[in-house]
Amino acid sequence: MISETSAVAFRQNLGDMLNQVQYRHDSILIKKDGKPVAALVDARLFERIRRMQARFDSLCQRIEAGYARVPEAEGLAEIDAAVAETRAGR
């Protein structure tokens, strides 16, 4: 479950919120002035997010390397064509 709290309430209830995340595996979205600024998640989820980010970064680097010699206009045209083809197939 994802809970939302203000930064002030988070500061006042840190111990309880840490227990909520650690033992119930909940997540807490922390807001300041009504805007999300941070999230508290359990360590296992954080590790999973970090692994996914590393895989995503690696994939982006491989795509970038594969298209390094392709002119930008040509690459964008190829992307537009692929998007149009996919949408037409729906």
PDB file of N, CA and C in Angstrom:
ATOM      1  N   MET A   1       0.838  -1.172   0.000  1.00  0.00           N
ATOM      2  CA  MET A   1       0.000   0.000   0.000  1.00  0.00           C
ATOM      3  C   MET A   1       0.888   1.242   0.000  1.00  0.00           C
ATOM      4  N   ILE A   2       0.421   2.269  -0.647  1.00  0.00           N
ATOM      5  CA  ILE A   2       1.156   3.536  -0.687  1.00  0.00           C
ATOM      6  C   ILE A   2       0.376   4.562   0.122  1.00  0.00           C
ATOM      7  N   SER A   3       1.049   5.114   1.134  1.00  0.00           N
ATOM      8  CA  SER A   3       0.463   6.170   1.955  1.00  0.00           C
ATOM      9  C   SER A   3       1.066   7.499   1.541  1.00  0.00           C
ATOM     10  N   GLU A   4       0.345   8.562   1.826  1.00  0.00           N
ATOM     11  CA  GLU A   4       0.862   9.900   1.572  1.00  0.00           C
ATOM     12  C   GLU A   4       0.917  10.652   2.893  1.00  0.00           C
ATOM     13  N   THR A   5       1.946  11.475   3.052  1.00  0.00           N
ATOM     14  CA  THR A   5       2.075  12.275   4.256  1.00  0.00           C
ATOM     15  C   THR A   5       2.817  13.560   3.941  1.00  0.00           C
ATOM     16  N   SER A   6       2.655  14.530   4.799  1.00  0.00           N
ATOM     17  CA  SER A   6       3.402  15.778   4.636  1.00  0.00           C
ATOM     18  C   SER A   6       4.792  15.596   5.232  1.00  0.00           C
ATOM     19  N   ALA A   7       5.705  16.458   4.846  1.00  0.00           N
ATOM     20  CA  ALA A   7       7.063  16.401   5.366  1.00  0.00           C
ATOM     21  C   ALA A   7       7.062  16.619   6.873  1.00  0.00           C
ATOM     22  N   VAL A   8       6.213  17.483   7.359  1.00  0.00           N
ATOM     23  CA  VAL A   8       6.138  17.760   8.799  1.00  0.00           C
ATOM     24  C   VAL A   8       5.661  16.515   9.544  1.00  0.00           C
ATOM     25  N   ALA A   9       4.581  15.894   9.070  1.00  0.00           N
ATOM     26  CA  ALA A   9       4.060  14.683   9.713  1.00  0.00           C
ATOM     27  C   ALA A   9       5.072  13.554   9.624  1.00  0.00           C
ATOM     28  N   PHE A  10       5.775  13.475   8.518  1.00  0.00           N
ATOM     29  CA  PHE A  10       6.800  12.445   8.364  1.00  0.00           C
ATOM     30  C   PHE A  10       7.886  12.623   9.421  1.00  0.00           C
ATOM     31  N   ARG A  11       8.337  13.847   9.593  1.00  0.00           N
ATOM     32  CA  ARG A  11       9.381  14.142  10.574  1.00  0.00           C
ATOM     33  C   ARG A  11       8.911  13.795  11.988  1.00  0.00           C
ATOM     34  N   GLN A  12       7.653  14.080  12.272  1.00  0.00           N
ATOM     35  CA  GLN A  12       7.108  13.830  13.608  1.00  0.00           C
ATOM     36  C   GLN A  12       6.870  12.348  13.883  1.00  0.00           C
ATOM     37  N   ASN A  13       6.667  11.560  12.832  1.00  0.00           N
ATOM     38  CA  ASN A  13       6.308  10.140  12.992  1.00  0.00           C
ATOM     39  C   ASN A  13       7.301   9.199  12.319  1.00  0.00           C
ATOM     40  N   LEU A  14       8.540   9.612  12.235  1.00  0.00           N
ATOM     41  CA  LEU A  14       9.541   8.844  11.497  1.00  0.00           C
ATOM     42  C   LEU A  14       9.632   7.398  11.963  1.00  0.00           C
ATOM     43  N   GLY A  15       9.689   7.171  13.261  1.00  0.00           N
ATOM     44  CA  GLY A  15       9.818   5.812  13.780  1.00  0.00           C
ATOM     45  C   GLY A  15       8.670   4.917  13.357  1.00  0.00           C
ATOM     46  N   ASP A  16       7.458   5.417  13.492  1.00  0.00           N
ATOM     47  CA  ASP A  16       6.287   4.626  13.096  1.00  0.00           C
ATOM     48  C   ASP A  16       6.286   4.350  11.600  1.00  0.00           C
ATOM     49  N   MET A  17       6.677   5.337  10.833  1.00  0.00           N
ATOM     50  CA  MET A  17       6.677   5.155   9.380  1.00  0.00           C
ATOM     51  C   MET A  17       7.771   4.190   8.936  1.00  0.00           C
ATOM     52  N   LEU A  18       8.907   4.225   9.593  1.00  0.00           N
ATOM     53  CA  LEU A  18       9.951   3.240   9.283  1.00  0.00           C
ATOM     54  C   LEU A  18       9.447   1.830   9.557  1.00  0.00           C
ATOM     55  N   ASN A  19       8.744   1.643  10.668  1.00  0.00           N
ATOM     56  CA  ASN A  19       8.176   0.325  10.980  1.00  0.00           C
ATOM     57  C   ASN A  19       7.143  -0.086   9.936  1.00  0.00           C
ATOM     58  N   GLN A  20       6.325   0.850   9.509  1.00  0.00           N
ATOM     59  CA  GLN A  20       5.309   0.569   8.492  1.00  0.00           C
ATOM     60  C   GLN A  20       5.964   0.073   7.204  1.00  0.00           C
ATOM     61  N   VAL A  21       7.062   0.696   6.829  1.00  0.00           N
ATOM     62  CA  VAL A  21       7.766   0.303   5.605  1.00  0.00           C
ATOM     63  C   VAL A  21       8.506  -1.012   5.813  1.00  0.00           C
ATOM     64  N   GLN A  22       9.170  -1.151   6.939  1.00  0.00           N
ATOM     65  CA  GLN A  22       9.989  -2.342   7.181  1.00  0.00           C
ATOM     66  C   GLN A  22       9.149  -3.599   7.362  1.00  0.00           C
ATOM     67  N   TYR A  23       8.106  -3.530   8.151  1.00  0.00           N
ATOM     68  CA  TYR A  23       7.369  -4.741   8.504  1.00  0.00           C
ATOM     69  C   TYR A  23       6.145  -5.005   7.642  1.00  0.00           C
ATOM     70  N   ARG A  24       5.521  -3.960   7.148  1.00  0.00           N
ATOM     71  CA  ARG A  24       4.337  -4.153   6.306  1.00  0.00           C
ATOM     72  C   ARG A  24       4.656  -4.010   4.829  1.00  0.00           C
ATOM     73  N   HIS A  25       5.889  -3.613   4.529  1.00  0.00           N
ATOM     74  CA  HIS A  25       6.344  -3.427   3.147  1.00  0.00           C
ATOM     75  C   HIS A  25       5.501  -2.399   2.401  1.00  0.00           C
ATOM     76  N   ASP A  26       4.999  -1.404   3.142  1.00  0.00           N
ATOM     77  CA  ASP A  26       4.270  -0.300   2.538  1.00  0.00           C
ATOM     78  C   ASP A  26       5.274   0.721   2.003  1.00  0.00           C
ATOM     79  N   SER A  27       4.798   1.659   1.240  1.00  0.00           N
ATOM     80  CA  SER A  27       5.600   2.782   0.753  1.00  0.00           C
ATOM     81  C   SER A  27       4.927   4.065   1.209  1.00  0.00           C
ATOM     82  N   ILE A  28       5.718   5.093   1.403  1.00  0.00           N
ATOM     83  CA  ILE A  28       5.181   6.369   1.853  1.00  0.00           C
ATOM     84  C   ILE A  28       5.650   7.477   0.910  1.00  0.00           C
ATOM     85  N   LEU A  29       4.704   8.198   0.354  1.00  0.00           N
ATOM     86  CA  LEU A  29       4.993   9.333  -0.502  1.00  0.00           C
ATOM     87  C   LEU A  29       4.997  10.581   0.373  1.00  0.00           C
ATOM     88  N   ILE A  30       6.106  11.296   0.378  1.00  0.00           N
ATOM     89  CA  ILE A  30       6.264  12.460   1.230  1.00  0.00           C
ATOM     90  C   ILE A  30       6.058  13.713   0.392  1.00  0.00           C
ATOM     91  N   LYS A  31       5.149  14.571   0.856  1.00  0.00           N
ATOM     92  CA  LYS A  31       4.829  15.789   0.120  1.00  0.00           C
ATOM     93  C   LYS A  31       5.242  17.018   0.916  1.00  0.00           C
ATOM     94  N   LYS A  32       5.641  18.029   0.190  1.00  0.00           N
ATOM     95  CA  LYS A  32       5.970  19.324   0.792  1.00  0.00           C
ATOM     96  C   LYS A  32       5.176  20.364   0.023  1.00  0.00           C
ATOM     97  N   ASP A  33       4.399  21.140   0.722  1.00  0.00           N
ATOM     98  CA  ASP A  33       3.511  22.118   0.097  1.00  0.00           C
ATOM     99  C   ASP A  33       2.586  21.452  -0.926  1.00  0.00           C
ATOM    100  N   GLY A  34       2.173  20.218  -0.616  1.00  0.00           N
ATOM    101  CA  GLY A  34       1.253  19.482  -1.477  1.00  0.00           C
ATOM    102  C   GLY A  34       1.877  18.826  -2.689  1.00  0.00           C
ATOM    103  N   LYS A  35       3.194  18.967  -2.865  1.00  0.00           N
ATOM    104  CA  LYS A  35       3.876  18.387  -4.028  1.00  0.00           C
ATOM    105  C   LYS A  35       4.765  17.225  -3.586  1.00  0.00           C
ATOM    106  N   PRO A  36       4.756  16.109  -4.333  1.00  0.00           N
ATOM    107  CA  PRO A  36       5.619  14.982  -3.980  1.00  0.00           C
ATOM    108  C   PRO A  36       7.098  15.372  -4.078  1.00  0.00           C
ATOM    109  N   VAL A  37       7.858  15.057  -3.025  1.00  0.00           N
ATOM    110  CA  VAL A  37       9.290  15.382  -3.026  1.00  0.00           C
ATOM    111  C   VAL A  37      10.166  14.162  -2.776  1.00  0.00           C
ATOM    112  N   ALA A  38       9.614  13.118  -2.163  1.00  0.00           N
ATOM    113  CA  ALA A  38      10.405  11.931  -1.857  1.00  0.00           C
ATOM    114  C   ALA A  38       9.468  10.769  -1.567  1.00  0.00           C
ATOM    115  N   ALA A  39      10.063   9.578  -1.532  1.00  0.00           N
ATOM    116  CA  ALA A  39       9.296   8.394  -1.173  1.00  0.00           C
ATOM    117  C   ALA A  39      10.149   7.515  -0.278  1.00  0.00           C
ATOM    118  N   LEU A  40       9.513   6.889   0.669  1.00  0.00           N
ATOM    119  CA  LEU A  40      10.178   5.942   1.553  1.00  0.00           C
ATOM    120  C   LEU A  40       9.685   4.559   1.162  1.00  0.00           C
ATOM    121  N   VAL A  41      10.603   3.712   0.728  1.00  0.00           N
ATOM    122  CA  VAL A  41      10.256   2.352   0.308  1.00  0.00           C
ATOM    123  C   VAL A  41      11.159   1.377   1.041  1.00  0.00           C
ATOM    124  N   ASP A  42      10.723   0.106   1.144  1.00  0.00           N
ATOM    125  CA  ASP A  42      11.571  -0.850   1.838  1.00  0.00           C
ATOM    126  C   ASP A  42      12.811  -1.163   1.004  1.00  0.00           C
ATOM    127  N   ALA A  43      13.821  -1.665   1.661  1.00  0.00           N
ATOM    128  CA  ALA A  43      15.133  -1.852   1.034  1.00  0.00           C
ATOM    129  C   ALA A  43      15.072  -2.825  -0.142  1.00  0.00           C
ATOM    130  N   ARG A  44      14.239  -3.859  -0.052  1.00  0.00           N
ATOM    131  CA  ARG A  44      14.151  -4.823  -1.167  1.00  0.00           C
ATOM    132  C   ARG A  44      13.606  -4.159  -2.423  1.00  0.00           C
ATOM    133  N   LEU A  45      12.569  -3.352  -2.273  1.00  0.00           N
ATOM    134  CA  LEU A  45      12.011  -2.645  -3.420  1.00  0.00           C
ATOM    135  C   LEU A  45      13.021  -1.658  -3.980  1.00  0.00           C
ATOM    136  N   PHE A  46      13.729  -0.971  -3.107  1.00  0.00           N
ATOM    137  CA  PHE A  46      14.744  -0.022  -3.560  1.00  0.00           C
ATOM    138  C   PHE A  46      15.823  -0.733  -4.374  1.00  0.00           C
ATOM    139  N   GLU A  47      16.279  -1.893  -3.927  1.00  0.00           N
ATOM    140  CA  GLU A  47      17.280  -2.657  -4.686  1.00  0.00           C
ATOM    141  C   GLU A  47      16.740  -3.057  -6.047  1.00  0.00           C
ATOM    142  N   ARG A  48      15.488  -3.472  -6.083  1.00  0.00           N
ATOM    143  CA  ARG A  48      14.862  -3.850  -7.356  1.00  0.00           C
ATOM    144  C   ARG A  48      14.804  -2.651  -8.302  1.00  0.00           C
ATOM    145  N   ILE A  49      14.432  -1.489  -7.773  1.00  0.00           N
ATOM    146  CA  ILE A  49      14.384  -0.273  -8.582  1.00  0.00           C
ATOM    147  C   ILE A  49      15.772   0.057  -9.113  1.00  0.00           C
ATOM    148  N   ARG A  50      16.787  -0.072  -8.272  1.00  0.00           N
ATOM    149  CA  ARG A  50      18.163   0.218  -8.704  1.00  0.00           C
ATOM    150  C   ARG A  50      18.608  -0.730  -9.813  1.00  0.00           C
ATOM    151  N   ARG A  51      18.275  -2.027  -9.686  1.00  0.00           N
ATOM    152  CA  ARG A  51      18.642  -2.987 -10.744  1.00  0.00           C
ATOM    153  C   ARG A  51      17.929  -2.652 -12.049  1.00  0.00           C
ATOM    154  N   MET A  52      16.647  -2.300 -11.955  1.00  0.00           N
ATOM    155  CA  MET A  52      15.894  -1.944 -13.158  1.00  0.00           C
ATOM    156  C   MET A  52      16.467  -0.693 -13.799  1.00  0.00           C
ATOM    157  N   GLN A  53      16.858   0.287 -12.993  1.00  0.00           N
ATOM    158  CA  GLN A  53      17.455   1.515 -13.518  1.00  0.00           C
ATOM    159  C   GLN A  53      18.769   1.206 -14.224  1.00  0.00           C
ATOM    160  N   ALA A  54      19.574   0.332 -13.638  1.00  0.00           N
ATOM    161  CA  ALA A  54      20.853  -0.037 -14.257  1.00  0.00           C
ATOM    162  C   ALA A  54      20.614  -0.738 -15.590  1.00  0.00           C
ATOM    163  N   ARG A  55      19.629  -1.637 -15.641  1.00  0.00           N
ATOM    164  CA  ARG A  55      19.327  -2.324 -16.903  1.00  0.00           C
ATOM    165  C   ARG A  55      18.805  -1.344 -17.944  1.00  0.00           C
ATOM    166  N   PHE A  56      17.964  -0.404 -17.519  1.00  0.00           N
ATOM    167  CA  PHE A  56      17.429   0.605 -18.431  1.00  0.00           C
ATOM    168  C   PHE A  56      18.562   1.475 -18.977  1.00  0.00           C
ATOM    169  N   ASP A  57      19.469   1.915 -18.090  1.00  0.00           N
ATOM    170  CA  ASP A  57      20.601   2.736 -18.530  1.00  0.00           C
ATOM    171  C   ASP A  57      21.471   1.981 -19.525  1.00  0.00           C
ATOM    172  N   SER A  58      21.704   0.706 -19.254  1.00  0.00           N
ATOM    173  CA  SER A  58      22.508  -0.118 -20.162  1.00  0.00           C
ATOM    174  C   SER A  58      21.834  -0.244 -21.528  1.00  0.00           C
ATOM    175  N   LEU A  59      20.540  -0.469 -21.520  1.00  0.00           N
ATOM    176  CA  LEU A  59      19.790  -0.570 -22.776  1.00  0.00           C
ATOM    177  C   LEU A  59      19.851   0.737 -23.553  1.00  0.00           C
ATOM    178  N   CYS A  60      19.695   1.855 -22.860  1.00  0.00           N
ATOM    179  CA  CYS A  60      19.775   3.165 -23.519  1.00  0.00           C
ATOM    180  C   CYS A  60      21.143   3.381 -24.154  1.00  0.00           C
ATOM    181  N   GLN A  61      22.199   2.968 -23.459  1.00  0.00           N
ATOM    182  CA  GLN A  61      23.554   3.110 -24.003  1.00  0.00           C
ATOM    183  C   GLN A  61      23.740   2.246 -25.244  1.00  0.00           C
ATOM    184  N   ARG A  62      23.183   1.020 -25.212  1.00  0.00           N
ATOM    185  CA  ARG A  62      23.296   0.138 -26.382  1.00  0.00           C
ATOM    186  C   ARG A  62      22.543   0.709 -27.578  1.00  0.00           C
ATOM    187  N   ILE A  63      21.357   1.261 -27.340  1.00  0.00           N
ATOM    188  CA  ILE A  63      20.584   1.874 -28.425  1.00  0.00           C
ATOM    189  C   ILE A  63      21.328   3.084 -28.966  1.00  0.00           C
ATOM    190  N   GLU A  64      21.847   3.908 -28.060  1.00  0.00           N
ATOM    191  CA  GLU A  64      22.596   5.097 -28.478  1.00  0.00           C
ATOM    192  C   GLU A  64      23.810   4.709 -29.314  1.00  0.00           C
ATOM    193  N   ALA A  65      24.526   3.679 -28.897  1.00  0.00           N
ATOM    194  CA  ALA A  65      25.705   3.232 -29.646  1.00  0.00           C
ATOM    195  C   ALA A  65      25.290   2.693 -31.017  1.00  0.00           C
ATOM    196  N   GLY A  66      24.175   1.988 -31.071  1.00  0.00           N
ATOM    197  CA  GLY A  66      23.707   1.433 -32.333  1.00  0.00           C
ATOM    198  C   GLY A  66      23.288   2.489 -33.335  1.00  0.00           C
ATOM    199  N   TYR A  67      22.871   3.627 -32.851  1.00  0.00           N
ATOM    200  CA  TYR A  67      22.423   4.705 -33.726  1.00  0.00           C
ATOM    201  C   TYR A  67      23.410   5.868 -33.795  1.00  0.00           C
ATOM    202  N   ALA A  68      24.618   5.664 -33.302  1.00  0.00           N
ATOM    203  CA  ALA A  68      25.604   6.748 -33.237  1.00  0.00           C
ATOM    204  C   ALA A  68      25.919   7.341 -34.607  1.00  0.00           C
ATOM    205  N   ARG A  69      25.908   6.513 -35.641  1.00  0.00           N
ATOM    206  CA  ARG A  69      26.282   6.994 -36.975  1.00  0.00           C
ATOM    207  C   ARG A  69      25.079   7.368 -37.835  1.00  0.00           C
ATOM    208  N   VAL A  70      23.885   7.259 -37.263  1.00  0.00           N
ATOM    209  CA  VAL A  70      22.668   7.587 -38.006  1.00  0.00           C
ATOM    210  C   VAL A  70      22.360   9.065 -37.795  1.00  0.00           C
ATOM    211  N   PRO A  71      22.174   9.820 -38.864  1.00  0.00           N
ATOM    212  CA  PRO A  71      21.805  11.233 -38.709  1.00  0.00           C
ATOM    213  C   PRO A  71      20.501  11.363 -37.914  1.00  0.00           C
ATOM    214  N   GLU A  72      20.417  12.407 -37.119  1.00  0.00           N
ATOM    215  CA  GLU A  72      19.268  12.580 -36.230  1.00  0.00           C
ATOM    216  C   GLU A  72      17.943  12.579 -36.992  1.00  0.00           C
ATOM    217  N   ALA A  73      17.881  13.291 -38.094  1.00  0.00           N
ATOM    218  CA  ALA A  73      16.633  13.367 -38.866  1.00  0.00           C
ATOM    219  C   ALA A  73      16.214  11.982 -39.358  1.00  0.00           C
ATOM    220  N   GLU A  74      17.184  11.195 -39.792  1.00  0.00           N
ATOM    221  CA  GLU A  74      16.885   9.848 -40.274  1.00  0.00           C
ATOM    222  C   GLU A  74      16.386   8.957 -39.131  1.00  0.00           C
ATOM    223  N   GLY A  75      17.014   9.064 -37.981  1.00  0.00           N
ATOM    224  CA  GLY A  75      16.597   8.280 -36.819  1.00  0.00           C
ATOM    225  C   GLY A  75      15.188   8.641 -36.373  1.00  0.00           C
ATOM    226  N   LEU A  76      14.890   9.940 -36.335  1.00  0.00           N
ATOM    227  CA  LEU A  76      13.549  10.375 -35.951  1.00  0.00           C
ATOM    228  C   LEU A  76      12.509   9.924 -36.964  1.00  0.00           C
ATOM    229  N   ALA A  77      12.859   9.950 -38.242  1.00  0.00           N
ATOM    230  CA  ALA A  77      11.933   9.485 -39.279  1.00  0.00           C
ATOM    231  C   ALA A  77      11.653   7.986 -39.101  1.00  0.00           C
ATOM    232  N   GLU A  78      12.678   7.232 -38.741  1.00  0.00           N
ATOM    233  CA  GLU A  78      12.512   5.794 -38.514  1.00  0.00           C
ATOM    234  C   GLU A  78      11.593   5.543 -37.313  1.00  0.00           C
ATOM    235  N   ILE A  79      11.760   6.318 -36.270  1.00  0.00           N
ATOM    236  CA  ILE A  79      10.902   6.189 -35.089  1.00  0.00           C
ATOM    237  C   ILE A  79       9.458   6.534 -35.445  1.00  0.00           C
ATOM    238  N   ASP A  80       9.273   7.642 -36.182  1.00  0.00           N
ATOM    239  CA  ASP A  80       7.925   8.040 -36.584  1.00  0.00           C
ATOM    240  C   ASP A  80       7.255   6.963 -37.430  1.00  0.00           C
ATOM    241  N   ALA A  81       8.024   6.348 -38.321  1.00  0.00           N
ATOM    242  CA  ALA A  81       7.473   5.290 -39.168  1.00  0.00           C
ATOM    243  C   ALA A  81       7.070   4.077 -38.333  1.00  0.00           C
ATOM    244  N   ALA A  82       7.894   3.722 -37.358  1.00  0.00           N
ATOM    245  CA  ALA A  82       7.572   2.585 -36.502  1.00  0.00           C
ATOM    246  C   ALA A  82       6.320   2.852 -35.667  1.00  0.00           C
ATOM    247  N   VAL A  83       6.191   4.069 -35.171  1.00  0.00           N
ATOM    248  CA  VAL A  83       5.011   4.445 -34.386  1.00  0.00           C
ATOM    249  C   VAL A  83       3.763   4.380 -35.272  1.00  0.00           C
ATOM    250  N   ALA A  84       3.857   4.933 -36.471  1.00  0.00           N
ATOM    251  CA  ALA A  84       2.712   4.919 -37.392  1.00  0.00           C
ATOM    252  C   ALA A  84       2.319   3.497 -37.745  1.00  0.00           C
ATOM    253  N   GLU A  85       3.293   2.635 -37.969  1.00  0.00           N
ATOM    254  CA  GLU A  85       3.029   1.235 -38.304  1.00  0.00           C
ATOM    255  C   GLU A  85       2.329   0.526 -37.141  1.00  0.00           C
ATOM    256  N   THR A  86       2.792   0.786 -35.949  1.00  0.00           N
ATOM    257  CA  THR A  86       2.193   0.154 -34.771  1.00  0.00           C
ATOM    258  C   THR A  86       0.772   0.634 -34.565  1.00  0.00           C
ATOM    259  N   ARG A  87       0.542   1.938 -34.721  1.00  0.00           N
ATOM    260  CA  ARG A  87      -0.798   2.476 -34.544  1.00  0.00           C
ATOM    261  C   ARG A  87      -1.749   1.955 -35.618  1.00  0.00           C
ATOM    262  N   ALA A  88      -1.244   1.770 -36.822  1.00  0.00           N
ATOM    263  CA  ALA A  88      -2.089   1.265 -37.908  1.00  0.00           C
ATOM    264  C   ALA A  88      -2.493  -0.188 -37.646  1.00  0.00           C
ATOM    265  N   GLY A  89      -1.663  -0.914 -36.941  1.00  0.00           N
ATOM    266  CA  GLY A  89      -1.940  -2.321 -36.648  1.00  0.00           C
ATOM    267  C   GLY A  89      -2.970  -2.531 -35.556  1.00  0.00           C
ATOM    268  N   ARG A  90      -3.357  -1.476 -34.869  1.00  0.00           N
ATOM    269  CA  ARG A  90      -4.327  -1.615 -33.776  1.00  0.00           C
ATOM    270  C   ARG A  90      -5.659  -1.870 -34.312  1.00  0.00           C
TER     271      ARG A  90
END
